[in-house]
C-alpha cells in the first residue's frame, strides 16, 4: 500500500512539475517575442520615415535615431549588443541578436 501511495504521489509531482516547466518555457518565448517585435517595429518606422535606408540597421542606429531603446533579453537578463541588427527583407523585418 505504501508503494501505491508513493507511485500516486510521484505521478502527481511529475505532472505538476512538467506543467509548470512548460508554462515557464512558453512565458520566456512570448517575452522574447515581445521585445524582438518592439525592436523590429522601431526599424520599420525608421524605414518608413526615410531615416534608415540599407537592408540592415543596427540597434545602435535605431537608438541614436530615437526608434528604439536599450532592451534586455528577457531570458539572459543581459542587454542586447548594440551591434545586433534588424534585417529588412521585402516587407519583413527580422531581428538578429549579436552576442
Protein backbone atom coordinates (compact mmCIF):
# COMPACT_ATOMS: atom_id res chain seq x y z
CA UNK A 1 0.00 0.00 0.00
CA UNK A 2 2.92 2.38 0.64
CA UNK A 3 4.15 1.73 -2.93
CA UNK A 4 0.76 2.71 -4.31
CA UNK A 5 0.78 5.96 -2.35
CA UNK A 6 4.38 6.64 -3.43
CA UNK A 7 3.51 5.97 -7.07
CA UNK A 8 0.47 8.24 -6.97
CA UNK A 9 2.41 11.00 -5.22
CA UNK A 10 5.33 10.68 -7.65
CA UNK A 11 2.97 10.81 -10.63
CA UNK A 12 1.22 13.89 -9.27
CA UNK A 13 4.52 15.73 -8.63
CA UNK A 14 5.79 14.77 -12.09
CA UNK A 15 2.67 16.04 -13.86
CA UNK A 16 2.58 19.30 -11.89
CA UNK A 17 6.31 19.87 -12.37
CA UNK A 18 6.12 19.22 -16.11
CA UNK A 19 3.16 21.58 -16.42
CA UNK A 20 4.97 24.41 -14.62
CA UNK A 21 8.12 23.82 -16.68
CA UNK A 22 6.15 24.02 -19.96
CA UNK A 23 4.32 27.15 -18.82
CA UNK A 24 7.64 28.79 -17.94
CA UNK A 25 9.11 27.95 -21.37
CA UNK A 26 6.10 29.43 -23.13
CA UNK A 27 6.33 32.57 -20.99
CA UNK A 28 10.00 33.00 -21.87
CA UNK A 29 9.32 32.55 -25.58
CA UNK A 30 6.50 35.09 -25.53
CA UNK A 31 8.59 37.59 -23.56
CA UNK A 32 11.40 37.25 -26.10
CA UNK A 33 8.94 37.70 -28.97
CA UNK A 34 7.53 40.90 -27.45
CA UNK A 35 10.96 42.52 -27.09
CA UNK A 36 12.12 41.47 -30.55
CA UNK A 37 8.89 42.72 -32.16
CA UNK A 38 9.30 46.08 -30.42
CA UNK A 39 12.79 46.43 -31.95
CA UNK A 40 11.54 45.30 -35.38
CA UNK A 41 8.69 47.82 -35.26
CA UNK A 42 11.17 50.58 -34.43
CA UNK A 43 13.18 49.62 -37.51
CA UNK A 44 10.05 49.54 -39.63
CA UNK A 45 9.16 53.10 -38.60
CA UNK A 46 12.75 54.22 -39.24
CA UNK A 47 12.50 52.88 -42.81
CA UNK A 48 9.05 54.39 -43.33
CA UNK A 49 10.28 57.80 -42.14
CA UNK A 50 13.26 57.59 -44.52
CA UNK A 51 15.96 57.64 -41.83
CA UNK A 52 17.07 54.06 -42.44
CA UNK A 53 17.94 53.07 -45.99
CA UNK A 54 20.20 49.98 -46.05
CA UNK A 55 18.89 46.42 -45.75
CA UNK A 56 20.30 46.16 -42.24
CA UNK A 57 20.07 48.62 -39.39
CA UNK A 58 21.81 48.13 -36.06
CA UNK A 59 20.23 48.54 -32.68
CA UNK A 60 22.79 51.29 -32.06
CA UNK A 61 21.47 53.26 -35.06
CA UNK A 62 17.86 52.77 -34.01
CA UNK A 63 18.66 54.06 -30.53
CA UNK A 64 20.61 57.05 -31.87
CA UNK A 65 17.73 57.99 -34.17
CA UNK A 66 15.15 57.54 -31.39
CA UNK A 67 13.38 54.50 -32.81
CA UNK A 68 14.39 52.07 -30.06
CA UNK A 69 15.81 51.98 -26.58
CA UNK A 70 18.30 49.64 -24.99
CA UNK A 71 16.48 46.37 -24.45
CA UNK A 72 17.17 43.49 -22.09
CA UNK A 73 16.95 39.92 -23.33
CA UNK A 74 14.24 38.52 -21.01
CA UNK A 75 15.89 35.10 -20.90
CA UNK A 76 19.55 36.02 -20.31
CA UNK A 77 18.72 39.23 -18.40
CA UNK A 78 21.53 40.97 -20.31
CA UNK A 79 21.28 43.98 -22.62
CA UNK A 80 21.25 43.19 -26.31
CA UNK A 81 24.51 44.10 -28.03
CA UNK A 82 24.24 47.42 -29.82
CA UNK A 83 25.67 45.58 -32.85
CA UNK A 84 22.53 43.43 -33.03
CA UNK A 85 20.56 44.38 -36.11
CA UNK A 86 17.28 44.25 -37.95
CA UNK A 87 17.32 42.91 -41.48
CA UNK A 88 14.78 44.25 -43.96
CA UNK A 89 13.72 41.63 -46.48
CA UNK A 90 10.90 43.00 -48.63
CA UNK A 91 8.16 43.81 -46.17
CA UNK A 92 9.61 41.60 -43.41
CA UNK A 93 11.77 42.89 -40.59
CA UNK A 94 13.82 40.27 -38.75
CA UNK A 95 15.82 40.95 -35.60
CA UNK A 96 19.22 39.22 -35.30
CA UNK A 97 20.94 39.18 -31.93
CA UNK A 98 24.72 39.59 -31.92
CA UNK A 99 26.36 38.06 -28.89
